[in-house]
C-alpha cells in the first residue's frame, strides 16, 4: 500500500515520467435530446410502420477481403433498383455499366429466393436461411441481409429490450476534418435461451441524440457473433419519412462490405405482384443452395 502511494506521488510530481501530445478536439453537438426507452421503442416501430413499400434507385459498390485474407478486392460499381413490399417481398436488380442490361436480378418472398446472373446464364435458388456457409462470401449473401439492413424492425414477439447510453466521435462531412462528439442511445434486443436466465443478443440499434435517428444497427447470430453491421448516413425527407441515402452493410465474418447510395427513394407507391416475379430461362445453369 505504501509502495503504491509513493509511486503515485512520483508520477504526479515528476515531469520526466509523462508525455503530453495534441489530438484533434471534438466539438460537442448542439441540441442533445432525451427520451425514455418506451419512447425510443415507439419511434423505432413508427419508422418501420411508416414504410409499406419502397422503390429506390441505388448505386452499389461491393468489396471482399480484409485482415483474414490479407487483401481486399473492390468490385465494379453497379447502378440498379431495390423494390420492397411488406411483409417480406424484395427485389434487387443491378445493371451492367454502360450497356445497362441486367447483371444480377434477385427476388425473395421472405422464405426462398431466386437469383439470376444473365451474363453467365446462371441462376441460384435456395432458402433465405443460410444453412451451410460458403467460402465465397457473395454466395452467403441472402436477400434478408438487404431487407433487415434497410428496414430497422421494432421489438419482435418474445424479445426483451434494454437501454444503455454511450458517446460516439465522428466526422459529419468527409470533405472537412472537423469531428464532433455526440451522445447516443443503444437499444439492445434479447431473447431468452431455452426459456432460462441466459439471454441471447439479437440486435443493437444505435441512435444519435442530436437527431434521434439510428446511425447504426448490429445484428447477431445464435452464437452471439455480429453477422451484419449496418450504418446509416445522410438522412433526407421523402414526404414525411426520414430515410438514410447512404447505407453501408458490413459482414465481418464473411469479410464482405456493400456500400449503397440511394439516389432516389419513392415510398408507399402501389406495387404489382409481377414486380416480384423472376423467371429463370430453361437453358440457364441452376445451382440450388441449402
C-alpha atoms as a PDB file:
ATOM      1  CA  UNK A   1       0.000   0.000   0.000  1.00  0.00           C
ATOM      2  CA  UNK A   2       2.795   2.416   0.929  1.00  0.00           C
ATOM      3  CA  UNK A   3       4.736   1.489  -2.227  1.00  0.00           C
ATOM      4  CA  UNK A   4       1.666   2.250  -4.343  1.00  0.00           C
ATOM      5  CA  UNK A   5       1.245   5.644  -2.664  1.00  0.00           C
ATOM      6  CA  UNK A   6       4.889   6.526  -3.268  1.00  0.00           C
ATOM      7  CA  UNK A   7       4.679   5.501  -6.943  1.00  0.00           C
ATOM      8  CA  UNK A   8       1.606   7.669  -7.441  1.00  0.00           C
ATOM      9  CA  UNK A   9       3.328  10.635  -5.800  1.00  0.00           C
ATOM     10  CA  UNK A  10       6.360  10.234  -8.074  1.00  0.00           C
ATOM     11  CA  UNK A  11       4.259  10.032 -11.253  1.00  0.00           C
ATOM     12  CA  UNK A  12       2.284  13.131 -10.323  1.00  0.00           C
ATOM     13  CA  UNK A  13       5.271  15.297  -9.440  1.00  0.00           C
ATOM     14  CA  UNK A  14       7.921  14.176 -11.913  1.00  0.00           C
ATOM     15  CA  UNK A  15       7.554  15.622 -15.385  1.00  0.00           C
ATOM     16  CA  UNK A  16      10.062  13.142 -16.826  1.00  0.00           C
ATOM     17  CA  UNK A  17       7.560  10.288 -16.351  1.00  0.00           C
ATOM     18  CA  UNK A  18       4.878  11.684 -18.661  1.00  0.00           C
ATOM     19  CA  UNK A  19       4.421  12.985 -22.165  1.00  0.00           C
ATOM     20  CA  UNK A  20       1.538  15.075 -23.474  1.00  0.00           C
ATOM     21  CA  UNK A  21       0.689  15.417 -27.143  1.00  0.00           C
ATOM     22  CA  UNK A  22      -2.126  17.121 -29.021  1.00  0.00           C
ATOM     23  CA  UNK A  23      -5.047  15.369 -30.717  1.00  0.00           C
ATOM     24  CA  UNK A  24      -7.904  16.836 -32.673  1.00  0.00           C
ATOM     25  CA  UNK A  25     -10.566  18.170 -30.360  1.00  0.00           C
ATOM     26  CA  UNK A  26     -14.124  17.004 -30.942  1.00  0.00           C
ATOM     27  CA  UNK A  27     -16.799  19.673 -30.715  1.00  0.00           C
ATOM     28  CA  UNK A  28     -19.950  18.664 -28.822  1.00  0.00           C
ATOM     29  CA  UNK A  29     -23.135  18.538 -30.874  1.00  0.00           C
ATOM     30  CA  UNK A  30     -25.833  21.051 -30.134  1.00  0.00           C
ATOM     31  CA  UNK A  31     -29.375  20.291 -29.013  1.00  0.00           C
ATOM     32  CA  UNK A  32     -28.882  16.909 -27.364  1.00  0.00           C
ATOM     33  CA  UNK A  33     -32.316  15.333 -26.897  1.00  0.00           C
ATOM     34  CA  UNK A  34     -33.593  12.889 -24.315  1.00  0.00           C
ATOM     35  CA  UNK A  35     -36.108  10.039 -24.476  1.00  0.00           C
ATOM     36  CA  UNK A  36     -37.306   7.132 -22.400  1.00  0.00           C
ATOM     37  CA  UNK A  37     -36.947   3.529 -23.524  1.00  0.00           C
ATOM     38  CA  UNK A  38     -40.678   3.360 -24.267  1.00  0.00           C
ATOM     39  CA  UNK A  39     -40.426   6.465 -26.425  1.00  0.00           C
ATOM     40  CA  UNK A  40     -37.440   5.085 -28.351  1.00  0.00           C
ATOM     41  CA  UNK A  41     -39.168   1.751 -28.935  1.00  0.00           C
ATOM     42  CA  UNK A  42     -42.228   3.621 -30.190  1.00  0.00           C
ATOM     43  CA  UNK A  43     -40.127   5.739 -32.553  1.00  0.00           C
ATOM     44  CA  UNK A  44     -38.368   2.678 -33.980  1.00  0.00           C
ATOM     45  CA  UNK A  45     -41.675   0.908 -34.566  1.00  0.00           C
ATOM     46  CA  UNK A  46     -43.225   4.056 -36.014  1.00  0.00           C
ATOM     47  CA  UNK A  47     -40.445   4.465 -38.594  1.00  0.00           C
ATOM     48  CA  UNK A  48     -40.758   0.801 -39.569  1.00  0.00           C
ATOM     49  CA  UNK A  49     -44.548   1.025 -39.893  1.00  0.00           C
ATOM     50  CA  UNK A  50     -44.383   4.220 -41.972  1.00  0.00           C
ATOM     51  CA  UNK A  51     -42.889   2.384 -44.978  1.00  0.00           C
ATOM     52  CA  UNK A  52     -45.247  -0.094 -46.641  1.00  0.00           C
ATOM     53  CA  UNK A  53     -43.433  -0.242 -49.982  1.00  0.00           C
ATOM     54  CA  UNK A  54     -40.267   1.307 -51.365  1.00  0.00           C
ATOM     55  CA  UNK A  55     -38.871   1.823 -54.845  1.00  0.00           C
ATOM     56  CA  UNK A  56     -35.275   3.026 -54.651  1.00  0.00           C
ATOM     57  CA  UNK A  57     -32.687   3.800 -57.305  1.00  0.00           C
ATOM     58  CA  UNK A  58     -29.305   2.751 -55.967  1.00  0.00           C
ATOM     59  CA  UNK A  59     -25.604   2.680 -56.698  1.00  0.00           C
ATOM     60  CA  UNK A  60     -23.797  -0.255 -55.106  1.00  0.00           C
ATOM     61  CA  UNK A  61     -20.099  -0.937 -54.559  1.00  0.00           C
ATOM     62  CA  UNK A  62     -19.122  -4.311 -53.089  1.00  0.00           C
ATOM     63  CA  UNK A  63     -15.764  -5.371 -51.698  1.00  0.00           C
ATOM     64  CA  UNK A  64     -14.462  -8.610 -50.220  1.00  0.00           C
ATOM     65  CA  UNK A  65     -11.446  -9.429 -48.091  1.00  0.00           C
ATOM     66  CA  UNK A  66      -9.652  -7.918 -45.142  1.00  0.00           C
ATOM     67  CA  UNK A  67      -7.181  -8.902 -42.454  1.00  0.00           C
ATOM     68  CA  UNK A  68      -8.055 -12.602 -42.663  1.00  0.00           C
ATOM     69  CA  UNK A  69      -7.303 -12.781 -46.374  1.00  0.00           C
ATOM     70  CA  UNK A  70      -4.547 -10.211 -46.382  1.00  0.00           C
ATOM     71  CA  UNK A  71      -6.119  -8.434 -49.348  1.00  0.00           C
ATOM     72  CA  UNK A  72      -9.228  -6.522 -50.359  1.00  0.00           C
ATOM     73  CA  UNK A  73     -10.963  -6.830 -53.726  1.00  0.00           C
ATOM     74  CA  UNK A  74     -13.239  -3.966 -54.812  1.00  0.00           C
ATOM     75  CA  UNK A  75     -15.787  -4.808 -57.496  1.00  0.00           C
ATOM     76  CA  UNK A  76     -17.094  -2.602 -60.270  1.00  0.00           C
ATOM     77  CA  UNK A  77     -19.832  -0.218 -59.175  1.00  0.00           C
ATOM     78  CA  UNK A  78     -23.353  -1.103 -60.288  1.00  0.00           C
ATOM     79  CA  UNK A  79     -26.449   1.023 -60.556  1.00  0.00           C
ATOM     80  CA  UNK A  80     -29.872  -0.508 -60.167  1.00  0.00           C
ATOM     81  CA  UNK A  81     -33.075  -0.687 -58.191  1.00  0.00           C
ATOM     82  CA  UNK A  82     -34.372  -2.097 -54.932  1.00  0.00           C
ATOM     83  CA  UNK A  83     -38.078  -2.845 -54.666  1.00  0.00           C
ATOM     84  CA  UNK A  84     -39.540  -3.649 -51.266  1.00  0.00           C
ATOM     85  CA  UNK A  85     -43.055  -4.582 -50.253  1.00  0.00           C
ATOM     86  CA  UNK A  86     -44.146  -5.698 -46.832  1.00  0.00           C
ATOM     87  CA  UNK A  87     -44.362  -8.133 -45.300  1.00  0.00           C
ATOM     88  CA  UNK A  88     -41.161  -9.560 -46.880  1.00  0.00           C
ATOM     89  CA  UNK A  89     -41.145  -9.167 -50.678  1.00  0.00           C
ATOM     90  CA  UNK A  90     -37.868  -7.819 -52.013  1.00  0.00           C
ATOM     91  CA  UNK A  91     -36.231  -7.449 -55.412  1.00  0.00           C
ATOM     92  CA  UNK A  92     -32.667  -6.309 -56.072  1.00  0.00           C
ATOM     93  CA  UNK A  93     -31.877  -5.547 -59.726  1.00  0.00           C
ATOM     94  CA  UNK A  94     -28.361  -4.464 -60.665  1.00  0.00           C
ATOM     95  CA  UNK A  95     -27.359  -3.300 -64.141  1.00  0.00           C
ATOM     96  CA  UNK A  96     -24.122  -3.701 -66.069  1.00  0.00           C
ATOM     97  CA  UNK A  97     -22.153  -0.461 -66.561  1.00  0.00           C
ATOM     98  CA  UNK A  98     -22.516   1.326 -69.907  1.00  0.00           C
ATOM     99  CA  UNK A  99     -24.907  -1.171 -71.555  1.00  0.00           C
ATOM    100  CA  UNK A 100     -27.372  -1.132 -68.613  1.00  0.00           C
ATOM    101  CA  UNK A 101     -28.564  -4.694 -69.120  1.00  0.00           C
ATOM    102  CA  UNK A 102     -29.207  -6.984 -66.155  1.00  0.00           C
ATOM    103  CA  UNK A 103     -26.117  -8.062 -64.232  1.00  0.00           C
ATOM    104  CA  UNK A 104     -27.895  -9.575 -61.208  1.00  0.00           C
ATOM    105  CA  UNK A 105     -31.604  -9.984 -60.557  1.00  0.00           C
ATOM    106  CA  UNK A 106     -32.695 -11.361 -57.179  1.00  0.00           C
ATOM    107  CA  UNK A 107     -36.157 -11.786 -55.667  1.00  0.00           C
ATOM    108  CA  UNK A 108     -37.500 -13.224 -52.426  1.00  0.00           C
ATOM    109  CA  UNK A 109     -40.844 -13.758 -50.746  1.00  0.00           C
ATOM    110  CA  UNK A 110     -39.202 -13.913 -47.327  1.00  0.00           C
ATOM    111  CA  UNK A 111     -38.832 -17.704 -47.348  1.00  0.00           C
ATOM    112  CA  UNK A 112     -36.996 -18.655 -50.552  1.00  0.00           C
ATOM    113  CA  UNK A 113     -35.063 -16.655 -53.119  1.00  0.00           C
ATOM    114  CA  UNK A 114     -34.041 -16.760 -56.769  1.00  0.00           C
ATOM    115  CA  UNK A 115     -31.035 -15.009 -58.239  1.00  0.00           C
ATOM    116  CA  UNK A 116     -30.387 -14.770 -61.958  1.00  0.00           C
ATOM    117  CA  UNK A 117     -26.982 -13.789 -63.378  1.00  0.00           C
ATOM    118  CA  UNK A 118     -27.725 -13.212 -67.097  1.00  0.00           C
ATOM    119  CA  UNK A 119     -24.132 -12.535 -68.277  1.00  0.00           C
ATOM    120  CA  UNK A 120     -23.192 -16.054 -67.089  1.00  0.00           C
ATOM    121  CA  UNK A 121     -26.573 -17.622 -67.915  1.00  0.00           C
ATOM    122  CA  UNK A 122     -26.563 -18.868 -64.345  1.00  0.00           C
ATOM    123  CA  UNK A 123     -29.178 -18.941 -61.608  1.00  0.00           C
ATOM    124  CA  UNK A 124     -29.090 -19.648 -57.874  1.00  0.00           C
ATOM    125  CA  UNK A 125     -32.054 -20.707 -55.765  1.00  0.00           C
ATOM    126  CA  UNK A 126     -32.344 -21.555 -52.108  1.00  0.00           C
ATOM    127  CA  UNK A 127     -33.695 -20.779 -48.682  1.00  0.00           C
ATOM    128  CA  UNK A 128     -33.430 -17.361 -47.090  1.00  0.00           C
ATOM    129  CA  UNK A 129     -31.903 -19.083 -44.066  1.00  0.00           C
ATOM    130  CA  UNK A 130     -28.211 -19.816 -44.609  1.00  0.00           C
ATOM    131  CA  UNK A 131     -27.620 -23.432 -43.558  1.00  0.00           C
ATOM    132  CA  UNK A 132     -24.068 -24.124 -44.766  1.00  0.00           C
ATOM    133  CA  UNK A 133     -21.802 -21.085 -45.236  1.00  0.00           C
ATOM    134  CA  UNK A 134     -19.803 -20.966 -48.453  1.00  0.00           C
ATOM    135  CA  UNK A 135     -16.161 -19.977 -48.784  1.00  0.00           C
ATOM    136  CA  UNK A 136     -17.350 -17.432 -51.344  1.00  0.00           C
ATOM    137  CA  UNK A 137     -18.758 -14.550 -49.253  1.00  0.00           C
ATOM    138  CA  UNK A 138     -21.022 -13.395 -52.084  1.00  0.00           C
ATOM    139  CA  UNK A 139     -22.823 -16.758 -52.000  1.00  0.00           C
ATOM    140  CA  UNK A 140     -23.618 -16.204 -48.307  1.00  0.00           C
ATOM    141  CA  UNK A 141     -25.468 -13.009 -49.115  1.00  0.00           C
ATOM    142  CA  UNK A 142     -29.194 -13.584 -48.719  1.00  0.00           C
ATOM    143  CA  UNK A 143     -31.996 -11.098 -49.527  1.00  0.00           C
ATOM    144  CA  UNK A 144     -32.800 -10.806 -45.824  1.00  0.00           C
ATOM    145  CA  UNK A 145     -29.474  -9.006 -45.340  1.00  0.00           C
ATOM    146  CA  UNK A 146     -30.725  -6.165 -47.563  1.00  0.00           C
ATOM    147  CA  UNK A 147     -34.212  -6.152 -46.024  1.00  0.00           C
ATOM    148  CA  UNK A 148     -33.039  -6.197 -42.399  1.00  0.00           C
ATOM    149  CA  UNK A 149     -30.419  -3.521 -43.069  1.00  0.00           C
ATOM    150  CA  UNK A 150     -32.763  -1.151 -44.881  1.00  0.00           C
ATOM    151  CA  UNK A 151     -35.752  -1.648 -42.578  1.00  0.00           C
ATOM    152  CA  UNK A 152     -34.959  -1.491 -38.864  1.00  0.00           C
ATOM    153  CA  UNK A 153     -37.625  -3.607 -37.215  1.00  0.00           C
ATOM    154  CA  UNK A 154     -39.156  -2.841 -33.860  1.00  0.00           C
ATOM    155  CA  UNK A 155     -39.333  -5.167 -30.883  1.00  0.00           C
ATOM    156  CA  UNK A 156     -40.366  -8.649 -32.034  1.00  0.00           C
ATOM    157  CA  UNK A 157     -42.547 -11.111 -30.069  1.00  0.00           C
ATOM    158  CA  UNK A 158     -40.723 -12.658 -27.088  1.00  0.00           C
ATOM    159  CA  UNK A 159     -37.865 -10.154 -27.368  1.00  0.00           C
ATOM    160  CA  UNK A 160     -36.614  -8.313 -24.288  1.00  0.00           C
ATOM    161  CA  UNK A 161     -35.277  -4.799 -24.565  1.00  0.00           C
ATOM    162  CA  UNK A 162     -32.746  -2.716 -22.614  1.00  0.00           C
ATOM    163  CA  UNK A 163     -31.381   0.800 -22.917  1.00  0.00           C
ATOM    164  CA  UNK A 164     -27.807   1.982 -22.396  1.00  0.00           C
ATOM    165  CA  UNK A 165     -26.041   5.213 -23.279  1.00  0.00           C
ATOM    166  CA  UNK A 166     -22.713   5.910 -24.893  1.00  0.00           C
ATOM    167  CA  UNK A 167     -20.986   8.557 -26.969  1.00  0.00           C
ATOM    168  CA  UNK A 168     -19.563   8.498 -30.476  1.00  0.00           C
ATOM    169  CA  UNK A 169     -16.979  10.691 -32.171  1.00  0.00           C
ATOM    170  CA  UNK A 170     -17.398  11.004 -35.914  1.00  0.00           C
ATOM    171  CA  UNK A 171     -16.742  13.194 -38.939  1.00  0.00           C
ATOM    172  CA  UNK A 172     -20.007  14.725 -40.221  1.00  0.00           C
ATOM    173  CA  UNK A 173     -18.557  15.891 -43.548  1.00  0.00           C
ATOM    174  CA  UNK A 174     -15.882  13.692 -45.214  1.00  0.00           C
ATOM    175  CA  UNK A 175     -14.655  16.756 -47.099  1.00  0.00           C
ATOM    176  CA  UNK A 176     -13.789  18.506 -43.830  1.00  0.00           C
ATOM    177  CA  UNK A 177     -11.512  17.454 -40.993  1.00  0.00           C
ATOM    178  CA  UNK A 178     -13.870  18.596 -38.251  1.00  0.00           C
ATOM    179  CA  UNK A 179     -15.062  15.920 -35.827  1.00  0.00           C
ATOM    180  CA  UNK A 180     -17.902  16.053 -33.336  1.00  0.00           C
ATOM    181  CA  UNK A 181     -18.838  14.195 -30.179  1.00  0.00           C
ATOM    182  CA  UNK A 182     -22.441  13.030 -29.859  1.00  0.00           C
ATOM    183  CA  UNK A 183     -24.153  11.170 -27.006  1.00  0.00           C
ATOM    184  CA  UNK A 184     -26.240   8.231 -28.149  1.00  0.00           C
ATOM    185  CA  UNK A 185     -28.800   5.693 -27.012  1.00  0.00           C
ATOM    186  CA  UNK A 186     -28.176   1.987 -27.586  1.00  0.00           C
ATOM    187  CA  UNK A 187     -31.360  -0.080 -27.709  1.00  0.00           C
ATOM    188  CA  UNK A 188     -30.470  -3.761 -27.240  1.00  0.00           C
ATOM    189  CA  UNK A 189     -32.889  -6.576 -28.042  1.00  0.00           C
ATOM    190  CA  UNK A 190     -32.538 -10.024 -26.500  1.00  0.00           C
ATOM    191  CA  UNK A 191     -34.276 -13.390 -26.415  1.00  0.00           C
ATOM    192  CA  UNK A 192     -34.208 -15.954 -23.622  1.00  0.00           C
ATOM    193  CA  UNK A 193     -32.119 -19.018 -24.405  1.00  0.00           C
ATOM    194  CA  UNK A 194     -34.191 -22.163 -23.918  1.00  0.00           C
ATOM    195  CA  UNK A 195     -36.510 -20.207 -21.623  1.00  0.00           C
ATOM    196  CA  UNK A 196     -33.805 -19.858 -18.967  1.00  0.00           C
ATOM    197  CA  UNK A 197     -31.891 -16.997 -17.384  1.00  0.00           C
ATOM    198  CA  UNK A 198     -29.312 -16.735 -20.192  1.00  0.00           C
ATOM    199  CA  UNK A 199     -30.046 -14.092 -22.817  1.00  0.00           C
ATOM    200  CA  UNK A 200     -29.019 -14.050 -26.458  1.00  0.00           C
ATOM    201  CA  UNK A 201     -28.358 -10.696 -28.106  1.00  0.00           C
ATOM    202  CA  UNK A 202     -30.336 -10.346 -31.346  1.00  0.00           C
ATOM    203  CA  UNK A 203     -29.761  -6.709 -32.311  1.00  0.00           C
ATOM    204  CA  UNK A 204     -28.405  -3.408 -31.010  1.00  0.00           C
ATOM    205  CA  UNK A 205     -29.790  -0.188 -32.509  1.00  0.00           C
ATOM    206  CA  UNK A 206     -27.599   2.904 -32.065  1.00  0.00           C
ATOM    207  CA  UNK A 207     -29.473   6.223 -32.051  1.00  0.00           C
ATOM    208  CA  UNK A 208     -27.832   9.651 -32.191  1.00  0.00           C
ATOM    209  CA  UNK A 209     -29.280  12.032 -29.652  1.00  0.00           C
ATOM    210  CA  UNK A 210     -28.982  15.161 -31.786  1.00  0.00           C
ATOM    211  CA  UNK A 211     -31.418  13.783 -34.397  1.00  0.00           C
ATOM    212  CA  UNK A 212     -32.962  10.793 -32.560  1.00  0.00           C
ATOM    213  CA  UNK A 213     -32.371   8.776 -35.751  1.00  0.00           C
ATOM    214  CA  UNK A 214     -30.499   5.442 -35.957  1.00  0.00           C
ATOM    215  CA  UNK A 215     -26.943   5.706 -37.222  1.00  0.00           C
ATOM    216  CA  UNK A 216     -26.061   2.001 -36.919  1.00  0.00           C
ATOM    217  CA  UNK A 217     -27.524  -1.431 -36.238  1.00  0.00           C
ATOM    218  CA  UNK A 218     -25.676  -4.591 -35.184  1.00  0.00           C
ATOM    219  CA  UNK A 219     -27.326  -7.925 -35.995  1.00  0.00           C
ATOM    220  CA  UNK A 220     -26.182 -11.087 -34.180  1.00  0.00           C
ATOM    221  CA  UNK A 221     -26.406 -14.809 -34.917  1.00  0.00           C
ATOM    222  CA  UNK A 222     -27.306 -17.593 -32.486  1.00  0.00           C
ATOM    223  CA  UNK A 223     -23.678 -17.878 -31.375  1.00  0.00           C
ATOM    224  CA  UNK A 224     -23.502 -14.257 -30.250  1.00  0.00           C
ATOM    225  CA  UNK A 225     -21.435 -13.108 -33.234  1.00  0.00           C
ATOM    226  CA  UNK A 226     -22.080  -9.912 -35.176  1.00  0.00           C
ATOM    227  CA  UNK A 227     -23.045 -11.077 -38.672  1.00  0.00           C
ATOM    228  CA  UNK A 228     -24.170  -7.697 -40.041  1.00  0.00           C
ATOM    229  CA  UNK A 229     -23.225  -4.148 -39.151  1.00  0.00           C
ATOM    230  CA  UNK A 230     -25.352  -1.595 -40.974  1.00  0.00           C
ATOM    231  CA  UNK A 231     -24.569   2.114 -40.805  1.00  0.00           C
ATOM    232  CA  UNK A 232     -26.869   4.945 -41.881  1.00  0.00           C
ATOM    233  CA  UNK A 233     -25.853   8.366 -43.147  1.00  0.00           C
ATOM    234  CA  UNK A 234     -27.205  11.394 -44.977  1.00  0.00           C
ATOM    235  CA  UNK A 235     -30.845  11.219 -43.928  1.00  0.00           C
ATOM    236  CA  UNK A 236     -33.310  13.023 -46.182  1.00  0.00           C
ATOM    237  CA  UNK A 237     -37.051  13.525 -46.022  1.00  0.00           C
ATOM    238  CA  UNK A 238     -39.200  11.688 -48.545  1.00  0.00           C
ATOM    239  CA  UNK A 239     -42.650  13.020 -47.836  1.00  0.00           C
ATOM    240  CA  UNK A 240     -42.981  12.676 -44.067  1.00  0.00           C
ATOM    241  CA  UNK A 241     -40.414   9.859 -43.864  1.00  0.00           C
ATOM    242  CA  UNK A 242     -36.792  10.334 -42.791  1.00  0.00           C
ATOM    243  CA  UNK A 243     -34.646   7.792 -44.634  1.00  0.00           C
ATOM    244  CA  UNK A 244     -30.860   7.421 -44.996  1.00  0.00           C
ATOM    245  CA  UNK A 245     -29.474   7.909 -48.501  1.00  0.00           C
ATOM    246  CA  UNK A 246     -26.254   6.047 -47.707  1.00  0.00           C
ATOM    247  CA  UNK A 247     -26.398   2.571 -46.166  1.00  0.00           C
ATOM    248  CA  UNK A 248     -23.257   0.515 -45.604  1.00  0.00           C
ATOM    249  CA  UNK A 249     -23.614  -3.203 -44.918  1.00  0.00           C
ATOM    250  CA  UNK A 250     -20.574  -4.812 -43.311  1.00  0.00           C
ATOM    251  CA  UNK A 251     -20.438  -8.601 -42.923  1.00  0.00           C
ATOM    252  CA  UNK A 252     -17.363  -9.125 -40.698  1.00  0.00           C
ATOM    253  CA  UNK A 253     -17.437 -12.952 -40.647  1.00  0.00           C
ATOM    254  CA  UNK A 254     -17.517 -13.071 -44.458  1.00  0.00           C
ATOM    255  CA  UNK A 255     -15.239 -10.039 -44.879  1.00  0.00           C
ATOM    256  CA  UNK A 256     -17.823  -8.553 -47.230  1.00  0.00           C
ATOM    257  CA  UNK A 257     -18.860  -4.909 -47.464  1.00  0.00           C
ATOM    258  CA  UNK A 258     -21.625  -3.344 -49.545  1.00  0.00           C
ATOM    259  CA  UNK A 259     -21.926   0.421 -49.841  1.00  0.00           C
ATOM    260  CA  UNK A 260     -25.318   1.575 -51.118  1.00  0.00           C
ATOM    261  CA  UNK A 261     -26.122   5.112 -52.182  1.00  0.00           C
ATOM    262  CA  UNK A 262     -29.829   5.687 -52.634  1.00  0.00           C
ATOM    263  CA  UNK A 263     -30.149   8.318 -55.364  1.00  0.00           C
ATOM    264  CA  UNK A 264     -33.953   8.246 -55.403  1.00  0.00           C
ATOM    265  CA  UNK A 265     -36.481   6.906 -52.905  1.00  0.00           C
ATOM    266  CA  UNK A 266     -40.204   6.620 -53.565  1.00  0.00           C
ATOM    267  CA  UNK A 267     -42.028   5.180 -50.540  1.00  0.00           C
ATOM    268  CA  UNK A 268     -45.554   3.792 -50.340  1.00  0.00           C
ATOM    269  CA  UNK A 269     -46.355   3.504 -54.037  1.00  0.00           C
ATOM    270  CA  UNK A 270     -48.676   0.796 -55.328  1.00  0.00           C
ATOM    271  CA  UNK A 271     -46.748  -2.312 -56.441  1.00  0.00           C
ATOM    272  CA  UNK A 272     -47.931  -5.253 -58.526  1.00  0.00           C
ATOM    273  CA  UNK A 273     -47.160  -8.922 -57.915  1.00  0.00           C
ATOM    274  CA  UNK A 274     -45.246  -9.256 -61.190  1.00  0.00           C
ATOM    275  CA  UNK A 275     -42.671  -6.771 -59.928  1.00  0.00           C
ATOM    276  CA  UNK A 276     -41.531  -9.508 -57.528  1.00  0.00           C
ATOM    277  CA  UNK A 277     -41.597 -12.380 -60.014  1.00  0.00           C
ATOM    278  CA  UNK A 278     -38.456 -13.736 -61.669  1.00  0.00           C
ATOM    279  CA  UNK A 279     -38.476 -16.320 -64.449  1.00  0.00           C
ATOM    280  CA  UNK A 280     -35.351 -18.443 -64.846  1.00  0.00           C
ATOM    281  CA  UNK A 281     -34.630 -19.311 -68.510  1.00  0.00           C
ATOM    282  CA  UNK A 282     -34.914 -23.003 -69.372  1.00  0.00           C
ATOM    283  CA  UNK A 283     -31.326 -23.136 -70.618  1.00  0.00           C
ATOM    284  CA  UNK A 284     -29.802 -21.460 -67.541  1.00  0.00           C
ATOM    285  CA  UNK A 285     -27.435 -23.412 -65.291  1.00  0.00           C
ATOM    286  CA  UNK A 286     -29.214 -23.611 -61.916  1.00  0.00           C
ATOM    287  CA  UNK A 287     -27.406 -24.036 -58.611  1.00  0.00           C
ATOM    288  CA  UNK A 288     -29.562 -24.981 -55.638  1.00  0.00           C
ATOM    289  CA  UNK A 289     -28.240 -23.879 -52.268  1.00  0.00           C
ATOM    290  CA  UNK A 290     -29.424 -25.415 -48.955  1.00  0.00           C
END
